[in-house]
Protein backbone atom coordinates (compact mmCIF):
# COMPACT_ATOMS: atom_id res chain seq x y z
CA MET A 1 23.53 416.47 151.34
CA ALA A 2 20.33 417.85 149.86
CA GLU A 3 18.11 415.61 147.77
CA THR A 4 17.41 416.70 144.22
CA ASP A 5 14.06 416.18 142.42
CA ILE A 6 14.26 414.01 139.34
CA PHE A 7 12.04 414.88 136.36
CA THR A 8 11.37 413.12 133.08
CA THR A 9 9.22 413.38 130.02
CA HIS A 10 9.20 409.55 129.56
CA VAL A 11 8.30 407.22 132.37
CA PRO A 12 9.98 403.82 132.05
CA ASP A 13 7.79 400.84 131.16
CA GLY A 14 6.52 399.06 134.28
CA ASP A 15 6.60 402.18 136.52
CA PHE A 16 3.54 403.70 138.24
CA ILE A 17 2.13 407.14 137.52
CA VAL A 18 -0.07 409.14 139.93
CA TYR A 19 -2.22 411.94 138.54
CA GLU A 20 -5.47 413.81 139.27
CA LEU A 21 -8.50 413.05 137.13
CA PRO A 22 -11.11 415.15 138.93
CA PRO A 23 -12.78 414.27 141.12
CA LYS A 24 -10.47 411.34 141.75
CA TRP A 25 -6.73 410.58 141.82
CA VAL A 26 -5.55 407.78 139.58
CA VAL A 27 -2.59 405.33 139.69
CA ARG A 28 -1.69 403.56 136.45
CA ARG A 29 1.13 401.26 135.36
CA THR A 30 2.90 402.06 132.12
CA VAL A 31 3.37 399.34 129.57
CA GLY A 32 4.90 401.36 126.65
CA ASP A 33 3.87 403.90 124.00
CA GLY A 34 1.76 405.85 126.53
CA ALA A 35 -0.47 402.86 127.25
CA SER A 36 -1.33 401.60 130.75
CA GLN A 37 -1.91 398.03 131.82
CA THR A 38 -4.07 398.64 134.86
CA THR A 39 -5.65 401.77 136.43
CA TRP A 40 -6.83 402.32 139.94
CA ALA A 41 -8.96 405.29 141.12
CA PHE A 42 -8.92 406.85 144.58
CA SER A 43 -11.51 409.35 145.89
CA GLY A 44 -9.65 410.17 149.11
CA GLY A 45 -7.25 412.67 147.57
CA GLU A 46 -3.60 412.60 146.51
CA ALA A 47 -2.14 411.00 149.63
CA PRO A 48 -3.90 407.59 149.31
CA ALA A 49 -3.04 407.33 145.61
CA VAL A 50 0.62 408.11 146.26
CA ALA A 51 0.71 405.62 149.15
CA GLN A 52 -0.76 402.90 146.92
CA ALA A 53 1.61 403.69 144.05
CA LEU A 54 4.55 403.37 146.52
CA ILE A 55 3.25 400.00 147.73
CA PHE A 56 3.02 398.75 144.13
CA ALA A 57 6.42 400.13 143.15
CA ARG A 58 8.12 398.70 146.26
CA HIS A 59 6.58 395.27 145.69
CA ASP A 60 7.57 395.19 141.98
CA ARG A 61 10.96 396.95 142.52
CA THR A 62 10.05 399.72 140.05
CA ALA A 63 9.32 403.44 140.66
CA ALA A 64 6.37 405.80 141.34
CA TRP A 65 6.03 409.14 139.47
CA LEU A 66 3.75 412.15 139.89
CA ARG A 67 2.36 413.63 136.63
CA LEU A 68 2.92 417.39 136.69
CA ASP A 69 1.33 418.07 133.27
CA SER A 70 0.82 416.18 130.04
CA GLN A 71 4.49 415.85 129.34
CA ARG A 72 6.33 416.13 132.68
CA TYR A 73 6.69 413.72 135.59
CA ARG A 74 8.54 413.94 138.96
CA LEU A 75 9.90 410.92 140.63
CA ILE A 76 8.23 410.19 143.98
CA GLU A 77 10.51 407.23 144.90
CA THR A 78 12.31 404.44 143.13
CA PHE A 79 12.87 400.90 144.50
CA ARG A 80 15.12 399.63 141.73
CA ARG A 81 18.32 397.85 142.69
């Protein structure tokens, strides 16, 4: 069975978002109304930022999302039960 990408325009509160803010990649945790609680910056490219977002999401049983543009996000992985 093929996996299907999941997209959204609204990332649930508590989830982690990965996006590029040249020259760095950023991971932030959403807290509602477009606000973020904490932000981490990575200079090693997309892969380290995604890896860290997955670690955070796995630990907190939330999800990690990749920002595609200002209004669209693609699910990287969810750890919700």
